[in-house]
Amino acid sequence: MTTPLFDIVFRGDILPGKNLVEVKQRLGQLFKADEAKINGLFAGGAVPLKRNLEKAVADKYVAALNQAGADVQLMEAGKLAERQARKPAPRRATPAATSAVATPQTPVTTPQAQAPRKSMAERLAEQELQRQAEEEAASSRASEESDPSGLSLAPVGADVLRPDERSQVQPVEVDVSDISLRESGGNLLDAGEIAELPVVDVDVSDLSLGEVGEDLLAAEEKQAFVELELDLSAIDLAEPGSDMGQIKPSAPPPPPDTSGIELEE
C-alpha cells in the first residue's frame, strides 16, 4: 500500500491576531531567507512550501509554521500543480495596453522580443518591487483623500517608513577571538587571579560553647544592685476623679446683651 504524501501550501494568509511584520520576520528566520524572498510569498497565489511529505512530517512543519503565524494548508501531493495546469493561460497584453501600466521596475515584454526565463530570485525581486509600487500608489491615494492636516492612513501591513526614510545602521565588527565562555558553575577567576588572604592563628583553646538557655555571664560577672528601703507609709492613691490641684479652665464669658438692638424694616 502506497503511503499518501502531502504538500504544504501557503497563500499569503496569517493567523488571526498575528502581526504581518512579525510573521515575515519569523518566516525569514525559519527558512533562512532574505526579506525579498519572504515578501514574495505574500504577493498572492498559492505557493507550495514543502512537497511530498508524509503526514507525520507534514504535521510537524504545519505546527512550526502556525507558531510563526503563517496560515498554511495540507494538500494531497501534486494536486496544486494539477489545479494550476487546468487554469486557462492568461491573455497576453498587447503592446498598447502593457505600456499604459509599465513601470521602470517591470520592463514590458513584447511578442517580438520574448525575455528569457527568469530565476526564482528574479521573480521574487520583481514581485517585491511591484508590491512596493502598489503600496506607494495606495499611500498616495490615501494622502489625496485625507483631511487638510496632511495625515493619511497607510494600508494594512504596509511599512510605515519608506526605504529612503529608514536609518542605515552600519554593522560593527568586534574582535571576540580572545573571549571565551566558562563552563556552567565554574569560577570566573583563574587560580592566579584569586587573592590569597593570610591565615591568622587564633588561640581558641580557652573558649567554650555554652548550653542552650545558659546564662552568658558567670555569677561573679553579673552587676549587683543594692536594694533601697523606702518609707511609703505617708503616700496613698487618690480615688478616680479626685482634685489633684490641676489648673481649672476659665469660665466662658456671658453672652452679649442684644435687648437694645432692633431690625429696621
Protein backbone atom coordinates (compact mmCIF):
# COMPACT_ATOMS: atom_id res chain seq x y z
CA MET A 1 0.00 0.00 0.00
CA THR A 2 1.40 3.38 -1.03
CA THR A 3 1.86 5.91 1.76
CA PRO A 4 -0.06 9.11 0.97
CA LEU A 5 2.12 12.20 0.55
CA PHE A 6 1.20 15.83 1.11
CA ASP A 7 2.27 19.32 0.08
CA ILE A 8 2.25 22.31 2.43
CA VAL A 9 0.58 25.21 0.60
CA PHE A 10 0.79 28.88 1.62
CA ARG A 11 -1.47 31.58 0.14
CA GLY A 12 -0.07 34.60 1.98
CA ASP A 13 -2.57 34.47 4.86
CA ILE A 14 -1.64 34.91 8.52
CA LEU A 15 -3.44 33.60 11.58
CA PRO A 16 -5.89 35.91 13.42
CA GLY A 17 -4.26 38.19 15.97
CA LYS A 18 -0.81 37.97 14.37
CA ASN A 19 1.22 40.95 13.14
CA LEU A 20 2.25 40.81 9.47
CA VAL A 21 5.71 42.30 10.05
CA GLU A 22 6.45 39.89 12.90
CA VAL A 23 5.19 36.91 10.85
CA LYS A 24 7.52 37.87 7.99
CA GLN A 25 10.47 38.13 10.39
CA ARG A 26 9.73 34.68 11.88
CA LEU A 27 9.37 33.09 8.44
CA GLY A 28 12.68 34.66 7.41
CA GLN A 29 14.35 33.07 10.42
CA LEU A 30 12.58 29.76 9.81
CA PHE A 31 13.55 29.50 6.13
CA LYS A 32 16.85 31.43 6.48
CA ALA A 33 15.71 33.64 3.58
CA ASP A 34 16.14 37.35 2.94
CA GLU A 35 13.37 39.94 3.04
CA ALA A 36 12.76 39.94 -0.72
CA LYS A 37 12.07 36.20 -0.86
CA ILE A 38 9.78 36.29 2.16
CA ASN A 39 7.81 39.23 0.71
CA GLY A 40 7.40 37.23 -2.49
CA LEU A 41 5.44 34.61 -0.54
CA PHE A 42 2.84 37.29 0.26
CA ALA A 43 2.46 38.54 -3.30
CA GLY A 44 -0.66 36.42 -3.88
CA GLY A 45 -1.32 32.96 -5.19
CA ALA A 46 -0.72 29.54 -3.72
CA VAL A 47 2.92 28.57 -3.12
CA PRO A 48 4.00 25.02 -2.12
CA LEU A 49 6.47 25.46 0.73
CA LYS A 50 7.21 21.73 1.12
CA ARG A 51 6.39 18.85 -1.21
CA ASN A 52 5.90 15.10 -0.95
CA LEU A 53 5.86 14.82 2.84
CA GLU A 54 4.43 12.02 4.92
CA LYS A 55 1.57 13.00 7.22
CA ALA A 56 3.58 12.94 10.46
CA VAL A 57 6.39 15.04 8.98
CA ALA A 58 3.92 17.42 7.33
CA ASP A 59 2.11 17.95 10.64
CA LYS A 60 5.39 18.99 12.30
CA TYR A 61 6.04 21.57 9.56
CA VAL A 62 2.48 22.88 9.84
CA ALA A 63 2.84 23.27 13.62
CA ALA A 64 6.10 25.22 13.20
CA LEU A 65 4.61 27.47 10.51
CA ASN A 66 1.46 28.09 12.56
CA GLN A 67 3.64 29.01 15.53
CA ALA A 68 5.35 31.56 13.29
CA GLY A 69 1.89 32.97 12.43
CA ALA A 70 1.51 31.63 8.88
CA ASP A 71 -1.84 30.10 7.89
CA VAL A 72 -0.91 27.06 5.80
CA GLN A 73 -2.91 24.09 4.47
CA LEU A 74 -2.13 20.47 3.73
CA MET A 75 -2.94 19.32 0.19
CA GLU A 76 -2.51 15.97 -1.49
CA ALA A 77 0.86 15.91 -3.21
CA GLY A 78 0.68 17.20 -6.78
CA LYS A 79 -2.91 18.49 -6.56
CA LEU A 80 -1.84 22.14 -6.60
CA ALA A 81 0.16 21.65 -9.79
CA GLU A 82 -2.83 19.88 -11.40
CA ARG A 83 -5.16 22.75 -10.49
CA GLN A 84 -2.76 25.34 -11.81
CA ALA A 85 -2.32 23.33 -15.03
CA ARG A 86 -6.10 23.23 -15.59
CA LYS A 87 -6.38 27.03 -15.28
CA PRO A 88 -6.62 28.85 -18.64
CA ALA A 89 -3.46 30.61 -19.67
CA PRO A 90 -3.53 34.37 -19.00
CA ARG A 91 -4.19 36.52 -22.02
CA ARG A 92 -1.09 38.27 -23.27
CA ALA A 93 -1.37 42.03 -23.07
CA THR A 94 -0.97 44.00 -26.26
CA PRO A 95 1.90 46.48 -26.50
CA ALA A 96 -0.52 49.40 -26.18
CA ALA A 97 -2.18 48.01 -23.05
CA THR A 98 1.11 46.98 -21.48
CA SER A 99 2.74 50.35 -21.95
CA ALA A 100 -0.08 52.01 -20.02
CA VAL A 101 0.85 50.11 -16.81
CA ALA A 102 4.55 49.66 -17.37
CA THR A 103 6.91 50.91 -14.67
CA PRO A 104 10.67 51.38 -14.69
CA GLN A 105 10.97 48.33 -12.44
CA THR A 106 8.88 45.97 -14.63
CA PRO A 107 10.02 46.09 -18.28
CA VAL A 108 7.44 45.34 -20.95
CA THR A 109 7.77 42.09 -22.92
CA THR A 110 6.51 42.29 -26.50
CA PRO A 111 5.73 39.29 -28.71
CA GLN A 112 8.70 40.22 -30.94
CA ALA A 113 11.20 40.25 -28.04
CA GLN A 114 10.45 37.37 -25.63
CA ALA A 115 12.52 37.69 -22.42
CA PRO A 116 14.49 34.64 -21.21
CA ARG A 117 13.03 32.55 -18.44
CA LYS A 118 13.74 34.19 -15.06
CA SER A 119 15.01 32.52 -11.95
CA MET A 120 13.04 32.28 -8.70
CA ALA A 121 15.14 35.03 -7.09
CA GLU A 122 14.46 37.38 -10.03
CA ARG A 123 10.73 36.69 -9.93
CA LEU A 124 10.61 37.25 -6.15
CA ALA A 125 12.52 40.52 -6.54
CA GLU A 126 10.09 41.73 -9.22
CA GLN A 127 7.14 40.78 -7.01
CA GLU A 128 8.63 42.77 -4.13
CA LEU A 129 9.14 45.83 -6.37
CA GLN A 130 5.58 45.52 -7.62
CA ARG A 131 4.30 45.27 -4.03
CA GLN A 132 6.22 48.39 -3.04
CA ALA A 133 4.85 50.25 -6.07
CA GLU A 134 1.29 49.22 -5.15
CA GLU A 135 1.81 50.31 -1.53
CA GLU A 136 3.18 53.70 -2.64
CA ALA A 137 0.23 54.15 -5.02
CA ALA A 138 -2.22 53.25 -2.25
CA SER A 139 -0.44 55.61 0.14
CA SER A 140 -0.60 58.38 -2.48
CA ARG A 141 -4.33 57.83 -3.00
CA ALA A 142 -4.89 57.86 0.76
CA SER A 143 -2.96 61.15 1.02
CA GLU A 144 -5.17 62.76 -1.63
CA GLU A 145 -8.30 61.66 0.20
CA SER A 146 -7.02 62.64 3.65
CA ASP A 147 -8.02 65.70 5.62
CA PRO A 148 -6.29 69.10 5.15
CA SER A 149 -3.93 68.37 8.05
CA GLY A 150 -1.81 66.25 5.70
CA LEU A 151 -2.26 62.99 7.63
CA SER A 152 -3.19 59.72 5.95
CA LEU A 153 -3.65 56.09 6.88
CA ALA A 154 -1.32 53.51 5.35
CA PRO A 155 -2.76 50.21 4.07
CA VAL A 156 -2.89 47.28 6.47
CA GLY A 157 0.51 45.61 6.67
CA ALA A 158 2.34 48.40 4.83
CA ASP A 159 5.69 49.70 6.07
CA VAL A 160 5.33 52.96 7.94
CA LEU A 161 8.66 54.29 6.64
CA ARG A 162 9.77 54.40 3.04
CA PRO A 163 13.18 52.90 2.23
CA ASP A 164 14.78 56.36 1.98
CA GLU A 165 13.38 57.29 5.42
CA ARG A 166 14.92 54.37 7.28
CA SER A 167 18.11 54.91 9.21
CA GLN A 168 21.03 52.94 7.90
CA VAL A 169 22.76 51.03 10.68
CA GLN A 170 26.37 50.24 9.91
CA PRO A 171 27.47 46.85 11.24
CA VAL A 172 30.27 46.96 13.80
CA GLU A 173 32.95 44.30 13.67
CA VAL A 174 34.05 43.32 17.16
CA ASP A 175 37.07 41.09 17.68
CA VAL A 176 36.00 38.39 20.14
CA SER A 177 38.76 35.93 19.35
CA ASP A 178 40.29 36.32 22.83
CA ILE A 179 36.96 35.91 24.64
CA SER A 180 35.80 32.51 25.87
CA LEU A 181 32.88 31.17 27.84
CA ARG A 182 33.46 29.36 31.13
CA GLU A 183 31.66 26.15 31.99
CA SER A 184 28.42 26.44 33.92
CA GLY A 185 29.11 26.75 37.63
CA GLY A 186 32.82 27.37 37.14
CA ASN A 187 34.88 30.07 38.80
CA LEU A 188 35.13 33.29 36.79
CA LEU A 189 38.67 33.92 38.04
CA ASP A 190 41.76 31.88 37.29
CA ALA A 191 43.78 30.48 40.17
CA GLY A 192 46.41 33.19 39.75
CA GLU A 193 43.74 35.93 39.86
CA ILE A 194 42.31 34.95 43.25
CA ALA A 195 43.76 36.99 46.13
CA GLU A 196 45.13 34.83 48.92
CA LEU A 197 44.26 36.06 52.40
CA PRO A 198 46.84 35.49 55.15
CA VAL A 199 45.90 32.85 57.68
CA VAL A 200 45.62 34.27 61.21
CA ASP A 201 46.46 31.87 64.03
CA VAL A 202 43.98 32.49 66.85
CA ASP A 203 44.20 30.61 70.14
CA VAL A 204 40.68 29.42 71.00
CA SER A 205 41.70 26.75 73.49
CA ASP A 206 40.14 28.70 76.38
CA LEU A 207 36.84 29.26 74.62
CA SER A 208 33.83 27.01 75.04
CA LEU A 209 30.24 26.91 73.89
CA GLY A 210 27.52 27.25 76.49
CA GLU A 211 24.42 25.10 76.61
CA VAL A 212 21.14 26.33 75.17
CA GLY A 213 19.44 28.66 77.69
CA GLU A 214 22.54 29.01 79.81
CA ASP A 215 23.49 32.45 81.15
CA LEU A 216 26.32 34.01 79.16
CA LEU A 217 27.71 35.68 82.29
CA ALA A 218 29.05 33.89 85.26
CA ALA A 219 27.74 34.79 88.71
CA GLU A 220 30.82 36.89 89.54
CA GLU A 221 30.48 38.73 86.22
CA LYS A 222 26.96 39.97 86.91
CA GLN A 223 26.46 43.52 88.28
CA ALA A 224 24.92 43.58 91.77
CA PHE A 225 22.28 46.18 92.65
CA VAL A 226 21.71 47.37 96.25
CA GLU A 227 18.05 47.19 97.23
CA LEU A 228 16.80 50.51 98.68
CA GLU A 229 14.48 50.67 101.65
CA LEU A 230 11.87 53.42 101.10
CA ASP A 231 9.20 54.60 103.60
CA LEU A 232 5.90 54.75 101.63
CA SER A 233 3.59 54.88 104.61
CA ALA A 234 2.65 58.57 104.03
CA ILE A 235 1.78 58.01 100.40
CA ASP A 236 -1.63 56.80 99.22
CA LEU A 237 -3.53 56.65 95.93
CA ALA A 238 -6.34 59.15 95.30
CA GLU A 239 -9.76 57.99 94.17
CA PRO A 240 -10.64 58.28 90.48
CA GLY A 241 -11.84 61.84 89.69
CA SER A 242 -10.23 63.42 92.70
CA ASP A 243 -9.00 67.02 92.54
CA MET A 244 -5.24 66.80 92.10
CA GLY A 245 -4.74 70.58 92.23
CA GLN A 246 -4.67 70.96 88.49
CA ILE A 247 -5.35 74.39 86.88
CA LYS A 248 -9.06 74.91 86.30
CA PRO A 249 -10.16 76.25 82.89
CA SER A 250 -11.60 79.77 82.97
CA ALA A 251 -15.39 80.13 82.65
CA PRO A 252 -16.65 81.33 79.23
CA PRO A 253 -17.82 84.99 79.08
CA PRO A 254 -21.59 85.68 79.29
CA PRO A 255 -23.47 86.15 76.03
CA PRO A 256 -23.81 89.80 74.80
CA ASP A 257 -26.95 91.82 75.68
CA THR A 258 -28.94 92.38 72.46
CA SER A 259 -32.06 93.83 74.10
CA GLY A 260 -31.34 97.33 72.68
CA ILE A 261 -30.85 96.18 69.07
CA GLU A 262 -33.73 96.38 66.57
CA LEU A 263 -34.01 95.36 62.90
CA GLU A 264 -35.22 98.15 60.58
CA GLU A 265 -37.97 97.43 58.07
